[in-house]
Amino acid sequence: MNDEKSWGKDESYSTERHADTDEPPSAKLDYLNTLAYASLSVSILGLIGTLYIILCANPWVCSERPVLRRITDNDFVLVNLAVALVLFHASYLAGLHSMSNDNSCLVAGLLVHFFWLASFIWEAAEGYLLFNAFLKFGKSFTRFKLKSFLACWGISVLIVSTSLLINAKAYIGDPPRCWLGPKYVAQFYGLFLAPRCLVLTGNLIVCLCVLKEIFQSTKTSELELRSTKKKEGLQLQKTTTQSSLSRPNGKNIRATTNIRMII
């Protein structure tokens, strides 16, 4: 009996000690929220600075042409990518305040899903431009800005709408987040992770192709430079030989001079 009482005292003491040393869940949650606010705020400021540099500090923007004609296709893709990321971060921050309301949490989860997917699809558009610039794959799209705008934002709308129609409650996940809950695996893997992995795989293939093209072009340039130097050396040697053959000999010059003097 004494042993049981002492064991019970030790167990209660151990539980109280862990309860005193462990940090409360609310304190951990506040710490993570503060960290999220700080990091996402810095990211938003950086993206806004990127938009300012592209749209306001670009000398081409100061011209009298319409806005869509002032920026290149690459700048257009970067602007849309930055806008998608800014709205994604803002939606995530809004979701931190919407956990107590199911409707607000649903809207925040939908916006996070939409803008996150849109940012990845705009990265795919950037990969296409990079691939086309280095490898010259076919012809460039006419009205690229309009077509890429409709495709990138439209695909995101289609995927998120499909997820919403399947089950809207999936975005009201377990607290403390307004995101796809772990119970709805098909929507998370099929309508979010699969498109994301597809874009990352495509961009990785583009990166490898571009690196291969750069390596081959560098090697070709070195071979052409060596061939050009070799041709220049042969031409210089040929010119030197011809000039030495056409130059009159000293003995012949003296003999000719003596003959002229005798005459």
C-alpha atoms as a PDB file:
ATOM      1  CA  MET A   1       0.000   0.000   0.000  1.00  0.00           C
ATOM      2  CA  ASN A   2       2.779   2.352   0.820  1.00  0.00           C
ATOM      3  CA  ASP A   3       4.406   1.555  -2.500  1.00  0.00           C
ATOM      4  CA  GLU A   4       1.158   2.304  -4.365  1.00  0.00           C
ATOM      5  CA  LYS A   5       0.750   5.611  -2.520  1.00  0.00           C
ATOM      6  CA  SER A   6       4.338   6.587  -3.237  1.00  0.00           C
ATOM      7  CA  TRP A   7       3.915   5.621  -6.912  1.00  0.00           C
ATOM      8  CA  GLY A   8       0.736   7.676  -7.096  1.00  0.00           C
ATOM      9  CA  LYS A   9       2.527  10.636  -5.556  1.00  0.00           C
ATOM     10  CA  ASP A  10       5.408  10.246  -8.011  1.00  0.00           C
ATOM     11  CA  GLU A  11       3.012  10.062 -10.960  1.00  0.00           C
ATOM     12  CA  SER A  12       1.078  13.121  -9.851  1.00  0.00           C
ATOM     13  CA  TYR A  13       4.351  14.983  -9.279  1.00  0.00           C
ATOM     14  CA  SER A  14       5.598  14.008 -12.729  1.00  0.00           C
ATOM     15  CA  THR A  15       2.339  15.165 -14.342  1.00  0.00           C
ATOM     16  CA  GLU A  16       2.417  18.459 -12.512  1.00  0.00           C
ATOM     17  CA  ARG A  17       6.050  18.977 -13.456  1.00  0.00           C
ATOM     18  CA  HIS A  18       5.343  18.410 -17.167  1.00  0.00           C
ATOM     19  CA  ALA A  19       2.313  20.645 -16.968  1.00  0.00           C
ATOM     20  CA  ASP A  20       4.454  23.383 -15.467  1.00  0.00           C
ATOM     21  CA  THR A  21       7.276  23.039 -17.981  1.00  0.00           C
ATOM     22  CA  ASP A  22       5.236  22.539 -21.157  1.00  0.00           C
ATOM     23  CA  GLU A  23       4.172  25.659 -22.975  1.00  0.00           C
ATOM     24  CA  PRO A  24       0.392  26.133 -23.240  1.00  0.00           C
ATOM     25  CA  PRO A  25      -1.079  25.452 -26.683  1.00  0.00           C
ATOM     26  CA  SER A  26      -2.510  28.962 -26.870  1.00  0.00           C
ATOM     27  CA  ALA A  27       0.953  30.466 -26.320  1.00  0.00           C
ATOM     28  CA  LYS A  28       2.411  28.288 -29.094  1.00  0.00           C
ATOM     29  CA  LEU A  29      -0.436  29.284 -31.401  1.00  0.00           C
ATOM     30  CA  ASP A  30       0.115  32.975 -30.683  1.00  0.00           C
ATOM     31  CA  TYR A  31       3.815  32.573 -31.374  1.00  0.00           C
ATOM     32  CA  LEU A  32       3.185  30.837 -34.721  1.00  0.00           C
ATOM     33  CA  ASN A  33       0.598  33.447 -35.723  1.00  0.00           C
ATOM     34  CA  THR A  34       3.031  36.252 -34.916  1.00  0.00           C
ATOM     35  CA  LEU A  35       5.725  34.542 -36.961  1.00  0.00           C
ATOM     36  CA  ALA A  36       3.291  34.095 -39.867  1.00  0.00           C
ATOM     37  CA  TYR A  37       2.260  37.767 -39.715  1.00  0.00           C
ATOM     38  CA  ALA A  38       5.881  38.934 -39.732  1.00  0.00           C
ATOM     39  CA  SER A  39       7.120  36.671 -42.541  1.00  0.00           C
ATOM     40  CA  LEU A  40       4.113  37.167 -44.801  1.00  0.00           C
ATOM     41  CA  SER A  41       4.166  40.932 -44.270  1.00  0.00           C
ATOM     42  CA  VAL A  42       7.811  41.061 -45.360  1.00  0.00           C
ATOM     43  CA  SER A  43       6.969  38.921 -48.382  1.00  0.00           C
ATOM     44  CA  ILE A  44       4.046  41.180 -49.325  1.00  0.00           C
ATOM     45  CA  LEU A  45       6.259  44.280 -49.092  1.00  0.00           C
ATOM     46  CA  GLY A  46       8.869  42.625 -51.305  1.00  0.00           C
ATOM     47  CA  LEU A  47       6.251  41.684 -53.903  1.00  0.00           C
ATOM     48  CA  ILE A  48       4.814  45.198 -53.889  1.00  0.00           C
ATOM     49  CA  GLY A  49       8.334  46.503 -54.455  1.00  0.00           C
ATOM     50  CA  THR A  50       8.690  44.122 -57.404  1.00  0.00           C
ATOM     51  CA  LEU A  51       5.452  45.411 -58.903  1.00  0.00           C
ATOM     52  CA  TYR A  52       6.635  48.995 -58.446  1.00  0.00           C
ATOM     53  CA  ILE A  53       9.931  48.280 -60.212  1.00  0.00           C
ATOM     54  CA  ILE A  54       8.213  46.588 -63.154  1.00  0.00           C
ATOM     55  CA  LEU A  55       5.305  49.004 -63.583  1.00  0.00           C
ATOM     56  CA  CYS A  56       6.578  52.360 -62.323  1.00  0.00           C
ATOM     57  CA  ALA A  57      10.367  52.330 -62.570  1.00  0.00           C
ATOM     58  CA  ASN A  58      10.479  50.771 -66.041  1.00  0.00           C
ATOM     59  CA  PRO A  59      11.391  53.387 -68.708  1.00  0.00           C
ATOM     60  CA  TRP A  60       9.180  51.653 -71.258  1.00  0.00           C
ATOM     61  CA  VAL A  61       6.135  52.395 -69.096  1.00  0.00           C
ATOM     62  CA  CYS A  62       6.677  56.122 -69.498  1.00  0.00           C
ATOM     63  CA  SER A  63       5.787  55.944 -73.187  1.00  0.00           C
ATOM     64  CA  GLU A  64       2.428  56.947 -74.619  1.00  0.00           C
ATOM     65  CA  ARG A  65       1.467  53.434 -75.687  1.00  0.00           C
ATOM     66  CA  PRO A  66      -1.289  51.453 -73.896  1.00  0.00           C
ATOM     67  CA  VAL A  67      -0.345  49.649 -70.703  1.00  0.00           C
ATOM     68  CA  LEU A  68      -0.380  46.123 -72.147  1.00  0.00           C
ATOM     69  CA  ARG A  69       1.954  47.208 -74.944  1.00  0.00           C
ATOM     70  CA  ARG A  70       4.433  48.907 -72.655  1.00  0.00           C
ATOM     71  CA  ILE A  71       5.634  45.741 -70.917  1.00  0.00           C
ATOM     72  CA  THR A  72       7.083  42.604 -72.427  1.00  0.00           C
ATOM     73  CA  ASP A  73       5.614  39.130 -72.124  1.00  0.00           C
ATOM     74  CA  ASN A  74       8.070  38.270 -69.355  1.00  0.00           C
ATOM     75  CA  ASP A  75       7.125  41.378 -67.383  1.00  0.00           C
ATOM     76  CA  PHE A  76       3.435  40.601 -67.869  1.00  0.00           C
ATOM     77  CA  VAL A  77       3.897  37.106 -66.429  1.00  0.00           C
ATOM     78  CA  LEU A  78       5.940  38.451 -63.512  1.00  0.00           C
ATOM     79  CA  VAL A  79       3.265  41.048 -62.715  1.00  0.00           C
ATOM     80  CA  ASN A  80       0.506  38.436 -62.606  1.00  0.00           C
ATOM     81  CA  LEU A  81       2.697  36.084 -60.565  1.00  0.00           C
ATOM     82  CA  ALA A  82       3.422  38.837 -58.034  1.00  0.00           C
ATOM     83  CA  VAL A  83      -0.273  39.775 -57.826  1.00  0.00           C
ATOM     84  CA  ALA A  84      -1.246  36.133 -57.244  1.00  0.00           C
ATOM     85  CA  LEU A  85       1.336  35.777 -54.470  1.00  0.00           C
ATOM     86  CA  VAL A  86       0.300  39.029 -52.787  1.00  0.00           C
ATOM     87  CA  LEU A  87      -3.353  37.968 -52.764  1.00  0.00           C
ATOM     88  CA  PHE A  88      -2.405  34.472 -51.586  1.00  0.00           C
ATOM     89  CA  HIS A  89      -0.522  35.880 -48.594  1.00  0.00           C
ATOM     90  CA  ALA A  90      -3.340  38.321 -47.840  1.00  0.00           C
ATOM     91  CA  SER A  91      -5.919  35.516 -47.998  1.00  0.00           C
ATOM     92  CA  TYR A  92      -3.844  33.384 -45.663  1.00  0.00           C
ATOM     93  CA  LEU A  93      -3.586  36.235 -43.169  1.00  0.00           C
ATOM     94  CA  ALA A  94      -7.327  36.797 -43.441  1.00  0.00           C
ATOM     95  CA  GLY A  95      -7.890  33.100 -42.746  1.00  0.00           C
ATOM     96  CA  LEU A  96      -6.127  33.451 -39.413  1.00  0.00           C
ATOM     97  CA  HIS A  97      -8.963  35.739 -38.276  1.00  0.00           C
ATOM     98  CA  SER A  98     -11.751  33.626 -39.809  1.00  0.00           C
ATOM     99  CA  MET A  99     -11.444  30.405 -37.831  1.00  0.00           C
ATOM    100  CA  SER A 100     -14.359  31.249 -35.553  1.00  0.00           C
ATOM    101  CA  ASN A 101     -16.803  31.705 -38.455  1.00  0.00           C
ATOM    102  CA  ASP A 102     -17.415  28.808 -40.828  1.00  0.00           C
ATOM    103  CA  ASN A 103     -18.524  30.996 -43.769  1.00  0.00           C
ATOM    104  CA  SER A 104     -15.538  33.304 -43.477  1.00  0.00           C
ATOM    105  CA  CYS A 105     -13.257  30.313 -43.079  1.00  0.00           C
ATOM    106  CA  LEU A 106     -14.725  28.764 -46.242  1.00  0.00           C
ATOM    107  CA  VAL A 107     -14.135  31.937 -48.263  1.00  0.00           C
ATOM    108  CA  ALA A 108     -10.588  32.287 -46.945  1.00  0.00           C
ATOM    109  CA  GLY A 109      -9.808  28.644 -47.763  1.00  0.00           C
ATOM    110  CA  LEU A 110     -11.153  29.031 -51.291  1.00  0.00           C
ATOM    111  CA  LEU A 111      -9.093  32.172 -51.883  1.00  0.00           C
ATOM    112  CA  VAL A 112      -5.944  30.545 -50.547  1.00  0.00           C
ATOM    113  CA  HIS A 113      -6.474  27.544 -52.826  1.00  0.00           C
ATOM    114  CA  PHE A 114      -7.237  29.731 -55.851  1.00  0.00           C
ATOM    115  CA  PHE A 115      -4.336  32.188 -55.593  1.00  0.00           C
ATOM    116  CA  TRP A 116      -1.841  29.502 -54.609  1.00  0.00           C
ATOM    117  CA  LEU A 117      -2.742  27.455 -57.679  1.00  0.00           C
ATOM    118  CA  ALA A 118      -2.685  30.571 -59.859  1.00  0.00           C
ATOM    119  CA  SER A 119       0.842  31.410 -58.724  1.00  0.00           C
ATOM    120  CA  PHE A 120       2.058  27.944 -59.723  1.00  0.00           C
ATOM    121  CA  ILE A 121       0.326  28.114 -63.103  1.00  0.00           C
ATOM    122  CA  TRP A 122       1.904  31.517 -63.799  1.00  0.00           C
ATOM    123  CA  GLU A 123       5.246  29.905 -63.011  1.00  0.00           C
ATOM    124  CA  ALA A 124       4.436  27.381 -65.739  1.00  0.00           C
ATOM    125  CA  ALA A 125       3.852  30.280 -68.144  1.00  0.00           C
ATOM    126  CA  GLU A 126       7.237  31.699 -67.169  1.00  0.00           C
ATOM    127  CA  GLY A 127       8.786  28.300 -67.853  1.00  0.00           C
ATOM    128  CA  TYR A 128       7.219  28.271 -71.320  1.00  0.00           C
ATOM    129  CA  LEU A 129       8.711  31.675 -72.130  1.00  0.00           C
ATOM    130  CA  LEU A 130      12.113  30.528 -70.936  1.00  0.00           C
ATOM    131  CA  PHE A 131      11.871  27.331 -72.973  1.00  0.00           C
ATOM    132  CA  ASN A 132      10.803  29.204 -76.088  1.00  0.00           C
ATOM    133  CA  ALA A 133      13.538  31.811 -75.678  1.00  0.00           C
ATOM    134  CA  PHE A 134      16.361  29.271 -75.552  1.00  0.00           C
ATOM    135  CA  LEU A 135      15.098  26.414 -77.701  1.00  0.00           C
ATOM    136  CA  LYS A 136      12.903  28.300 -80.185  1.00  0.00           C
ATOM    137  CA  PHE A 137      10.176  25.691 -79.921  1.00  0.00           C
ATOM    138  CA  GLY A 138       7.731  26.493 -82.707  1.00  0.00           C
ATOM    139  CA  LYS A 139       6.250  29.951 -83.040  1.00  0.00           C
ATOM    140  CA  SER A 140       5.290  32.274 -80.241  1.00  0.00           C
ATOM    141  CA  PHE A 141       1.618  32.693 -79.469  1.00  0.00           C
ATOM    142  CA  THR A 142      -0.047  35.714 -80.932  1.00  0.00           C
ATOM    143  CA  ARG A 143      -1.705  37.831 -78.238  1.00  0.00           C
ATOM    144  CA  PHE A 144       0.233  35.950 -75.617  1.00  0.00           C
ATOM    145  CA  LYS A 145      -0.829  38.299 -72.821  1.00  0.00           C
ATOM    146  CA  LEU A 146      -4.547  37.737 -73.389  1.00  0.00           C
ATOM    147  CA  LYS A 147      -4.265  33.985 -73.872  1.00  0.00           C
ATOM    148  CA  SER A 148      -1.984  33.440 -70.891  1.00  0.00           C
ATOM    149  CA  PHE A 149      -4.234  35.616 -68.709  1.00  0.00           C
ATOM    150  CA  LEU A 150      -7.334  33.606 -69.601  1.00  0.00           C
ATOM    151  CA  ALA A 151      -5.548  30.254 -69.340  1.00  0.00           C
ATOM    152  CA  CYS A 152      -3.760  30.765 -66.025  1.00  0.00           C
ATOM    153  CA  TRP A 153      -6.593  32.394 -64.126  1.00  0.00           C
ATOM    154  CA  GLY A 154      -9.230  30.252 -65.869  1.00  0.00           C
ATOM    155  CA  ILE A 155      -7.589  26.938 -64.969  1.00  0.00           C
ATOM    156  CA  SER A 156      -7.394  28.045 -61.342  1.00  0.00           C
ATOM    157  CA  VAL A 157     -11.083  28.970 -61.338  1.00  0.00           C
ATOM    158  CA  LEU A 158     -11.986  25.610 -62.893  1.00  0.00           C
ATOM    159  CA  ILE A 159     -10.028  23.568 -60.341  1.00  0.00           C
ATOM    160  CA  VAL A 160     -11.299  25.489 -57.318  1.00  0.00           C
ATOM    161  CA  SER A 161     -14.886  25.391 -58.602  1.00  0.00           C
ATOM    162  CA  THR A 162     -14.630  21.622 -59.037  1.00  0.00           C
ATOM    163  CA  SER A 163     -13.353  21.263 -55.485  1.00  0.00           C
ATOM    164  CA  LEU A 164     -16.144  23.489 -54.201  1.00  0.00           C
ATOM    165  CA  LEU A 165     -18.787  21.450 -55.973  1.00  0.00           C
ATOM    166  CA  ILE A 166     -17.400  18.179 -54.629  1.00  0.00           C
ATOM    167  CA  ASN A 167     -17.491  19.224 -50.992  1.00  0.00           C
ATOM    168  CA  ALA A 168     -17.395  22.799 -49.723  1.00  0.00           C
ATOM    169  CA  LYS A 169     -16.929  21.692 -46.118  1.00  0.00           C
ATOM    170  CA  ALA A 170     -13.453  20.447 -46.987  1.00  0.00           C
ATOM    171  CA  TYR A 171     -12.160  24.011 -46.646  1.00  0.00           C
ATOM    172  CA  ILE A 172     -13.343  24.229 -43.058  1.00  0.00           C
ATOM    173  CA  GLY A 173     -10.500  22.121 -41.763  1.00  0.00           C
ATOM    174  CA  ASP A 174      -9.512  21.308 -38.262  1.00  0.00           C
ATOM    175  CA  PRO A 175      -8.496  24.375 -36.261  1.00  0.00           C
ATOM    176  CA  PRO A 176      -6.307  26.370 -36.359  1.00  0.00           C
ATOM    177  CA  ARG A 177      -6.457  26.675 -40.158  1.00  0.00           C
ATOM    178  CA  CYS A 178      -8.978  27.392 -42.905  1.00  0.00           C
ATOM    179  CA  TRP A 179      -7.698  24.929 -45.439  1.00  0.00           C
ATOM    180  CA  LEU A 180      -8.421  21.488 -46.865  1.00  0.00           C
ATOM    181  CA  GLY A 181      -8.922  19.175 -43.917  1.00  0.00           C
ATOM    182  CA  PRO A 182      -7.021  15.884 -43.605  1.00  0.00           C
ATOM    183  CA  LYS A 183     -10.249  13.920 -43.991  1.00  0.00           C
ATOM    184  CA  TYR A 184     -10.685  15.050 -47.608  1.00  0.00           C
ATOM    185  CA  VAL A 185      -7.638  13.413 -49.123  1.00  0.00           C
ATOM    186  CA  ALA A 186      -8.986  13.225 -52.696  1.00  0.00           C
ATOM    187  CA  GLN A 187      -9.482  16.981 -52.968  1.00  0.00           C
ATOM    188  CA  PHE A 188      -6.121  17.803 -51.443  1.00  0.00           C
ATOM    189  CA  TYR A 189      -4.087  15.374 -53.553  1.00  0.00           C
ATOM    190  CA  GLY A 190      -6.163  15.499 -56.719  1.00  0.00           C
ATOM    191  CA  LEU A 191      -7.072  19.191 -56.956  1.00  0.00           C
ATOM    192  CA  PHE A 192      -4.125  20.834 -55.255  1.00  0.00           C
ATOM    193  CA  LEU A 193      -1.046  18.662 -54.936  1.00  0.00           C
ATOM    194  CA  ALA A 194      -1.325  16.996 -58.363  1.00  0.00           C
ATOM    195  CA  PRO A 195      -1.419  20.288 -60.381  1.00  0.00           C
ATOM    196  CA  ARG A 196       1.368  21.653 -58.223  1.00  0.00           C
ATOM    197  CA  CYS A 197       3.593  18.611 -58.809  1.00  0.00           C
ATOM    198  CA  LEU A 198       2.787  18.716 -62.525  1.00  0.00           C
ATOM    199  CA  VAL A 199       3.941  22.340 -62.787  1.00  0.00           C
ATOM    200  CA  LEU A 200       7.087  21.662 -60.764  1.00  0.00           C
ATOM    201  CA  THR A 201       7.931  18.653 -62.942  1.00  0.00           C
ATOM    202  CA  GLY A 202       7.420  20.667 -66.137  1.00  0.00           C
ATOM    203  CA  ASN A 203       9.570  23.540 -64.886  1.00  0.00           C
ATOM    204  CA  LEU A 204      12.274  21.083 -63.829  1.00  0.00           C
ATOM    205  CA  ILE A 205      12.299  19.583 -67.338  1.00  0.00           C
ATOM    206  CA  VAL A 206      12.500  23.090 -68.832  1.00  0.00           C
ATOM    207  CA  CYS A 207      15.414  23.925 -66.520  1.00  0.00           C
ATOM    208  CA  LEU A 208      17.315  20.795 -67.569  1.00  0.00           C
ATOM    209  CA  CYS A 209      16.661  21.472 -71.268  1.00  0.00           C
ATOM    210  CA  VAL A 210      17.830  25.084 -70.934  1.00  0.00           C
ATOM    211  CA  LEU A 211      20.997  24.034 -69.095  1.00  0.00           C
ATOM    212  CA  LYS A 212      21.700  21.448 -71.774  1.00  0.00           C
ATOM    213  CA  GLU A 213      21.183  24.043 -74.503  1.00  0.00           C
ATOM    214  CA  ILE A 214      23.493  26.513 -72.744  1.00  0.00           C
ATOM    215  CA  PHE A 215      26.188  23.850 -72.366  1.00  0.00           C
ATOM    216  CA  GLN A 216      25.896  22.818 -76.010  1.00  0.00           C
ATOM    217  CA  SER A 217      25.922  26.402 -77.274  1.00  0.00           C
ATOM    218  CA  THR A 218      28.987  27.178 -75.145  1.00  0.00           C
ATOM    219  CA  LYS A 219      30.767  24.120 -76.484  1.00  0.00           C
ATOM    220  CA  THR A 220      29.807  25.023 -80.061  1.00  0.00           C
ATOM    221  CA  SER A 221      31.040  28.583 -79.576  1.00  0.00           C
ATOM    222  CA  GLU A 222      34.389  27.310 -78.319  1.00  0.00           C
ATOM    223  CA  LEU A 223      34.744  25.002 -81.337  1.00  0.00           C
ATOM    224  CA  GLU A 224      33.829  27.816 -83.720  1.00  0.00           C
ATOM    225  CA  LEU A 225      36.331  30.128 -82.034  1.00  0.00           C
ATOM    226  CA  ARG A 226      39.095  27.552 -82.350  1.00  0.00           C
ATOM    227  CA  SER A 227      38.207  26.930 -85.993  1.00  0.00           C
ATOM    228  CA  THR A 228      38.227  30.669 -86.699  1.00  0.00           C
ATOM    229  CA  LYS A 229      41.624  31.105 -85.043  1.00  0.00           C
ATOM    230  CA  LYS A 230      42.989  28.161 -87.002  1.00  0.00           C
ATOM    231  CA  LYS A 231      41.720  29.614 -90.284  1.00  0.00           C
ATOM    232  CA  GLU A 232      43.173  33.009 -89.427  1.00  0.00           C
ATOM    233  CA  GLY A 233      46.523  31.380 -88.631  1.00  0.00           C
ATOM    234  CA  LEU A 234      46.551  29.494 -91.931  1.00  0.00           C
ATOM    235  CA  GLN A 235      45.583  32.638 -93.832  1.00  0.00           C
ATOM    236  CA  LEU A 236      48.329  34.631 -92.122  1.00  0.00           C
ATOM    237  CA  GLN A 237      50.876  31.911 -92.894  1.00  0.00           C
ATOM    238  CA  LYS A 238      49.776  31.805 -96.538  1.00  0.00           C
ATOM    239  CA  THR A 239      50.002  35.583 -96.828  1.00  0.00           C
ATOM    240  CA  THR A 240      53.477  35.575 -95.276  1.00  0.00           C
ATOM    241  CA  THR A 241      54.653  32.863 -97.698  1.00  0.00           C
ATOM    242  CA  GLN A 242      53.295  34.708-100.714  1.00  0.00           C
ATOM    243  CA  SER A 243      54.919  37.966 -99.656  1.00  0.00           C
ATOM    244  CA  SER A 244      58.280  36.263 -99.107  1.00  0.00           C
ATOM    245  CA  LEU A 245      58.120  34.663-102.555  1.00  0.00           C
ATOM    246  CA  SER A 246      57.147  37.871-104.312  1.00  0.00           C
ATOM    247  CA  ARG A 247      59.889  39.888-102.561  1.00  0.00           C
ATOM    248  CA  PRO A 248      62.954  40.292-104.944  1.00  0.00           C
ATOM    249  CA  ASN A 249      66.306  38.766-103.907  1.00  0.00           C
ATOM    250  CA  GLY A 250      69.243  41.004-102.898  1.00  0.00           C
ATOM    251  CA  LYS A 251      71.651  39.442-105.454  1.00  0.00           C
ATOM    252  CA  ASN A 252      69.213  39.942-108.296  1.00  0.00           C
ATOM    253  CA  ILE A 253      68.805  43.576-107.331  1.00  0.00           C
ATOM    254  CA  ARG A 254      72.605  44.195-107.360  1.00  0.00           C
ATOM    255  CA  ALA A 255      73.005  42.401-110.666  1.00  0.00           C
ATOM    256  CA  THR A 256      70.283  44.424-112.264  1.00  0.00           C
ATOM    257  CA  THR A 257      71.848  47.631-110.938  1.00  0.00           C
ATOM    258  CA  ASN A 258      75.297  46.744-112.388  1.00  0.00           C
ATOM    259  CA  ILE A 259      73.835  45.970-115.776  1.00  0.00           C
ATOM    260  CA  ARG A 260      72.081  49.292-115.817  1.00  0.00           C
ATOM    261  CA  MET A 261      75.324  51.096-114.899  1.00  0.00           C
ATOM    262  CA  ILE A 262      77.274  49.317-117.679  1.00  0.00           C
ATOM    263  CA  ILE A 263      74.638  50.243-120.215  1.00  0.00           C
END
